[in-house]
C-alpha atoms as a PDB file:
ATOM      1  CA  MET A   1      12.223  62.695 -79.177  1.00  0.00           C
ATOM      2  CA  ILE A   2      15.561  61.699 -77.665  1.00  0.00           C
ATOM      3  CA  ILE A   3      16.817  63.752 -74.759  1.00  0.00           C
ATOM      4  CA  TYR A   4      20.585  64.027 -74.565  1.00  0.00           C
ATOM      5  CA  ARG A   5      21.036  64.284 -70.796  1.00  0.00           C
ATOM      6  CA  LYS A   6      24.770  63.611 -70.875  1.00  0.00           C
ATOM      7  CA  GLU A   7      25.329  66.327 -73.478  1.00  0.00           C
ATOM      8  CA  VAL A   8      23.180  68.855 -71.605  1.00  0.00           C
ATOM      9  CA  LEU A   9      25.017  68.091 -68.355  1.00  0.00           C
ATOM     10  CA  CYS A  10      28.414  68.441 -70.074  1.00  0.00           C
ATOM     11  CA  PHE A  11      27.234  71.656 -71.740  1.00  0.00           C
ATOM     12  CA  VAL A  12      26.226  73.164 -68.382  1.00  0.00           C
ATOM     13  CA  LEU A  13      29.440  72.010 -66.662  1.00  0.00           C
ATOM     14  CA  ILE A  14      31.794  73.293 -69.388  1.00  0.00           C
ATOM     15  CA  ALA A  15      29.947  76.611 -69.714  1.00  0.00           C
ATOM     16  CA  GLY A  16      29.954  76.962 -65.925  1.00  0.00           C
ATOM     17  CA  VAL A  17      33.671  76.238 -65.624  1.00  0.00           C
ATOM     18  CA  ALA A  18      34.490  78.752 -68.397  1.00  0.00           C
ATOM     19  CA  LEU A  19      32.336  81.384 -66.664  1.00  0.00           C
ATOM     20  CA  ILE A  20      33.693  80.745 -63.165  1.00  0.00           C
ATOM     21  CA  LEU A  21      37.368  80.607 -64.201  1.00  0.00           C
ATOM     22  CA  ASP A  22      37.024  83.791 -66.222  1.00  0.00           C
ATOM     23  CA  GLN A  23      35.375  85.671 -63.380  1.00  0.00           C
ATOM     24  CA  TRP A  24      37.897  84.365 -60.846  1.00  0.00           C
ATOM     25  CA  ILE A  25      40.841  85.553 -62.979  1.00  0.00           C
ATOM     26  CA  LYS A  26      39.161  88.935 -63.470  1.00  0.00           C
ATOM     27  CA  ARG A  27      38.773  89.300 -59.690  1.00  0.00           C
ATOM     28  CA  LEU A  28      42.523  88.746 -59.355  1.00  0.00           C
ATOM     29  CA  ILE A  29      43.163  91.409 -62.008  1.00  0.00           C
ATOM     30  CA  LEU A  30      40.776  93.864 -60.357  1.00  0.00           C
ATOM     31  CA  GLY A  31      42.525  93.108 -57.068  1.00  0.00           C
ATOM     32  CA  GLY A  32      45.806  94.349 -58.524  1.00  0.00           C
ATOM     33  CA  LEU A  33      47.484  91.289 -60.062  1.00  0.00           C
ATOM     34  CA  ARG A  34      50.011  92.426 -62.683  1.00  0.00           C
ATOM     35  CA  TYR A  35      52.902  90.812 -64.561  1.00  0.00           C
ATOM     36  CA  GLU A  36      55.405  92.224 -67.041  1.00  0.00           C
ATOM     37  CA  SER A  37      57.657  90.348 -69.465  1.00  0.00           C
ATOM     38  CA  GLU A  38      59.198  90.836 -72.887  1.00  0.00           C
ATOM     39  CA  VAL A  39      56.501  88.725 -74.559  1.00  0.00           C
ATOM     40  CA  ILE A  40      53.280  88.962 -72.622  1.00  0.00           C
ATOM     41  CA  SER A  41      52.059  91.149 -69.801  1.00  0.00           C
ATOM     42  CA  ILE A  42      49.117  91.040 -67.430  1.00  0.00           C
ATOM     43  CA  VAL A  43      47.583  94.505 -67.290  1.00  0.00           C
ATOM     44  CA  TYR A  44      44.125  95.952 -66.662  1.00  0.00           C
ATOM     45  CA  ALA A  45      41.986  97.386 -69.452  1.00  0.00           C
ATOM     46  CA  LEU A  46      38.243  98.013 -69.596  1.00  0.00           C
ATOM     47  CA  ASN A  47      36.931  97.391 -73.102  1.00  0.00           C
ATOM     48  CA  LYS A  48      33.614  99.128 -73.797  1.00  0.00           C
ATOM     49  CA  GLY A  49      33.384  97.642 -77.307  1.00  0.00           C
ATOM     50  CA  VAL A  50      33.857  94.147 -78.687  1.00  0.00           C
ATOM     51  CA  ALA A  51      37.073  92.795 -80.254  1.00  0.00           C
ATOM     52  CA  PHE A  52      39.580  95.599 -80.854  1.00  0.00           C
ATOM     53  CA  SER A  53      37.067  97.979 -79.159  1.00  0.00           C
ATOM     54  CA  MET A  54      34.808  97.890 -82.226  1.00  0.00           C
ATOM     55  CA  LEU A  55      31.193  98.966 -81.707  1.00  0.00           C
ATOM     56  CA  SER A  56      32.046 100.949 -78.561  1.00  0.00           C
ATOM     57  CA  PHE A  57      29.962 103.780 -80.035  1.00  0.00           C
ATOM     58  CA  LEU A  58      26.855 101.703 -79.220  1.00  0.00           C
ATOM     59  CA  GLY A  59      27.382 102.427 -75.511  1.00  0.00           C
ATOM     60  CA  GLU A  60      24.808 100.830 -73.206  1.00  0.00           C
ATOM     61  CA  SER A  61      22.924  99.332 -76.173  1.00  0.00           C
ATOM     62  CA  LEU A  62      25.786  96.918 -76.821  1.00  0.00           C
ATOM     63  CA  LYS A  63      25.144  94.872 -73.688  1.00  0.00           C
ATOM     64  CA  TRP A  64      21.458  94.458 -74.579  1.00  0.00           C
ATOM     65  CA  ILE A  65      22.317  93.399 -78.128  1.00  0.00           C
ATOM     66  CA  GLN A  66      24.758  90.866 -76.699  1.00  0.00           C
ATOM     67  CA  CYS A  67      22.105  89.629 -74.245  1.00  0.00           C
ATOM     68  CA  VAL A  68      19.790  88.847 -77.136  1.00  0.00           C
ATOM     69  CA  LEU A  69      22.586  87.139 -79.091  1.00  0.00           C
ATOM     70  CA  VAL A  70      23.711  84.954 -76.161  1.00  0.00           C
ATOM     71  CA  PHE A  71      20.097  84.029 -75.361  1.00  0.00           C
ATOM     72  CA  LEU A  72      19.366  83.151 -79.008  1.00  0.00           C
ATOM     73  CA  LEU A  73      22.561  81.109 -79.341  1.00  0.00           C
ATOM     74  CA  THR A  74      21.727  79.162 -76.194  1.00  0.00           C
ATOM     75  CA  TYR A  75      18.094  78.636 -77.190  1.00  0.00           C
ATOM     76  CA  VAL A  76      18.877  77.489 -80.742  1.00  0.00           C
ATOM     77  CA  PHE A  77      21.563  75.142 -79.485  1.00  0.00           C
ATOM     78  CA  LEU A  78      19.497  73.546 -76.733  1.00  0.00           C
ATOM     79  CA  ALA A  79      16.380  73.320 -78.940  1.00  0.00           C
ATOM     80  CA  SER A  80      18.215  71.490 -81.723  1.00  0.00           C
ATOM     81  CA  GLN A  81      18.994  67.913 -80.831  1.00  0.00           C
ATOM     82  CA  ASP A  82      21.292  67.630 -83.843  1.00  0.00           C
ATOM     83  CA  LEU A  83      23.430  70.566 -82.677  1.00  0.00           C
ATOM     84  CA  LEU A  84      23.259  69.347 -79.085  1.00  0.00           C
ATOM     85  CA  SER A  85      24.473  65.839 -79.927  1.00  0.00           C
ATOM     86  CA  ARG A  86      27.375  67.001 -82.137  1.00  0.00           C
ATOM     87  CA  TYR A  87      28.677  70.331 -80.906  1.00  0.00           C
ATOM     88  CA  TYR A  88      27.900  70.646 -77.196  1.00  0.00           C
ATOM     89  CA  ILE A  89      31.522  71.277 -76.134  1.00  0.00           C
ATOM     90  CA  ALA A  90      32.052  74.063 -78.680  1.00  0.00           C
ATOM     91  CA  PHE A  91      28.742  75.737 -77.859  1.00  0.00           C
ATOM     92  CA  ALA A  92      29.403  75.418 -74.119  1.00  0.00           C
ATOM     93  CA  LEU A  93      32.667  77.324 -74.506  1.00  0.00           C
ATOM     94  CA  LEU A  94      30.912  80.009 -76.569  1.00  0.00           C
ATOM     95  CA  VAL A  95      27.982  80.425 -74.178  1.00  0.00           C
ATOM     96  CA  GLY A  96      30.031  80.282 -70.956  1.00  0.00           C
ATOM     97  CA  ALA A  97      32.509  82.849 -72.268  1.00  0.00           C
ATOM     98  CA  GLY A  98      29.756  84.996 -73.739  1.00  0.00           C
ATOM     99  CA  VAL A  99      27.935  85.116 -70.414  1.00  0.00           C
ATOM    100  CA  ALA A 100      31.224  85.900 -68.615  1.00  0.00           C
ATOM    101  CA  ASN A 101      31.988  88.893 -70.830  1.00  0.00           C
ATOM    102  CA  LEU A 102      28.361  89.988 -70.784  1.00  0.00           C
ATOM    103  CA  SER A 103      28.274  89.973 -66.985  1.00  0.00           C
ATOM    104  CA  ASP A 104      31.296  92.310 -67.007  1.00  0.00           C
ATOM    105  CA  ARG A 105      29.296  94.798 -69.063  1.00  0.00           C
ATOM    106  CA  PHE A 106      26.570  94.904 -66.428  1.00  0.00           C
ATOM    107  CA  VAL A 107      28.889  94.933 -63.394  1.00  0.00           C
ATOM    108  CA  TYR A 108      31.831  97.062 -64.626  1.00  0.00           C
ATOM    109  CA  GLY A 109      30.411  98.943 -67.607  1.00  0.00           C
ATOM    110  CA  GLY A 110      32.708  97.098 -70.028  1.00  0.00           C
ATOM    111  CA  VAL A 111      34.679  93.872 -70.424  1.00  0.00           C
ATOM    112  CA  VAL A 112      37.706  93.409 -68.170  1.00  0.00           C
ATOM    113  CA  ASP A 113      40.682  92.521 -70.383  1.00  0.00           C
ATOM    114  CA  TYR A 114      44.178  91.759 -69.133  1.00  0.00           C
ATOM    115  CA  ILE A 115      46.353  89.617 -71.447  1.00  0.00           C
ATOM    116  CA  TYR A 116      48.616  91.850 -73.502  1.00  0.00           C
ATOM    117  CA  TRP A 117      50.803  90.238 -76.193  1.00  0.00           C
ATOM    118  CA  HIS A 118      53.570  92.590 -77.314  1.00  0.00           C
ATOM    119  CA  TYR A 119      56.362  90.443 -78.751  1.00  0.00           C
ATOM    120  CA  GLY A 120      57.123  91.196 -82.391  1.00  0.00           C
ATOM    121  CA  PHE A 121      53.853  93.092 -82.728  1.00  0.00           C
ATOM    122  CA  GLU A 122      51.261  94.581 -80.438  1.00  0.00           C
ATOM    123  CA  PHE A 123      47.995  92.712 -80.235  1.00  0.00           C
ATOM    124  CA  ALA A 124      44.689  93.727 -78.675  1.00  0.00           C
ATOM    125  CA  ILE A 125      44.377  93.094 -74.945  1.00  0.00           C
ATOM    126  CA  PHE A 126      42.102  90.111 -74.293  1.00  0.00           C
ATOM    127  CA  ASN A 127      40.947  87.757 -71.526  1.00  0.00           C
ATOM    128  CA  PHE A 128      40.284  84.093 -70.715  1.00  0.00           C
ATOM    129  CA  ALA A 129      36.704  84.274 -72.013  1.00  0.00           C
ATOM    130  CA  ASP A 130      38.026  85.520 -75.374  1.00  0.00           C
ATOM    131  CA  ILE A 131      40.330  82.483 -75.496  1.00  0.00           C
ATOM    132  CA  CYS A 132      37.335  80.208 -74.791  1.00  0.00           C
ATOM    133  CA  ILE A 133      35.352  81.900 -77.569  1.00  0.00           C
ATOM    134  CA  ASN A 134      38.176  81.346 -80.045  1.00  0.00           C
ATOM    135  CA  LEU A 135      38.619  77.726 -78.940  1.00  0.00           C
ATOM    136  CA  GLY A 136      34.865  77.156 -79.273  1.00  0.00           C
ATOM    137  CA  ILE A 137      34.801  78.574 -82.795  1.00  0.00           C
ATOM    138  CA  ALA A 138      37.907  76.586 -83.809  1.00  0.00           C
ATOM    139  CA  LEU A 139      36.415  73.372 -82.407  1.00  0.00           C
ATOM    140  CA  LEU A 140      33.091  74.039 -84.115  1.00  0.00           C
ATOM    141  CA  LEU A 141      34.803  74.602 -87.482  1.00  0.00           C
ATOM    142  CA  LEU A 142      36.977  71.516 -87.030  1.00  0.00           C
ATOM    143  CA  LEU A 143      33.977  69.325 -86.190  1.00  0.00           C
ATOM    144  CA  ILE A 144      31.996  70.669 -89.152  1.00  0.00           C
ATOM    145  CA  LEU A 145      34.903  70.118 -91.535  1.00  0.00           C
ATOM    146  CA  CYS A 146      35.507  66.599 -90.215  1.00  0.00           C
ATOM    147  CA  SER A 147      31.825  65.686 -90.547  1.00  0.00           C
ATOM    148  CA  LYS A 148      31.769  66.956 -94.157  1.00  0.00           C
ATOM    149  CA  LYS A 149      34.919  64.968 -94.925  1.00  0.00           C
ATOM    150  CA  LYS A 150      33.272  61.778 -93.559  1.00  0.00           C
ATOM    151  CA  VAL A 151      30.193  62.400 -95.731  1.00  0.00           C
ATOM    152  CA  ALA A 152      32.396  62.965 -98.795  1.00  0.00           C
ATOM    153  CA  ASN A 153      34.252  59.682 -98.180  1.00  0.00           C
ATOM    154  CA  VAL A 154      31.057  57.630 -97.937  1.00  0.00           C
END
């Protein structure tokens, strides 16, 4: 059994940075930071659901469901040396951001969102953790597609 210490360390550091940056920005927002422009604005919104406020009808149950999902994602990732060796950056972004948004649910009763895109169309208000989640998923898909392309070329 090979232990990937470098990957685990990088995983913890990246997840920690995503979590800390997200929470720091949210403190600024909760402290009153606002910005208005024609394209993007910084506003405060408390989202009691998930993306686009979906599943808000689950109320308090949603945070416990998300706890289980974040725990399972972290466990499966760290238990699988194959996943750990290949996708640690993508999973770190997902876990760090997931924990950041989950902590909001326990502390504030919902996720603190603040980035509001309104140029050309109005988009859902989101936050830094949501950006990290999307980057993690995009990176994961890119790495999977690239690894399948390498196998196909062999």
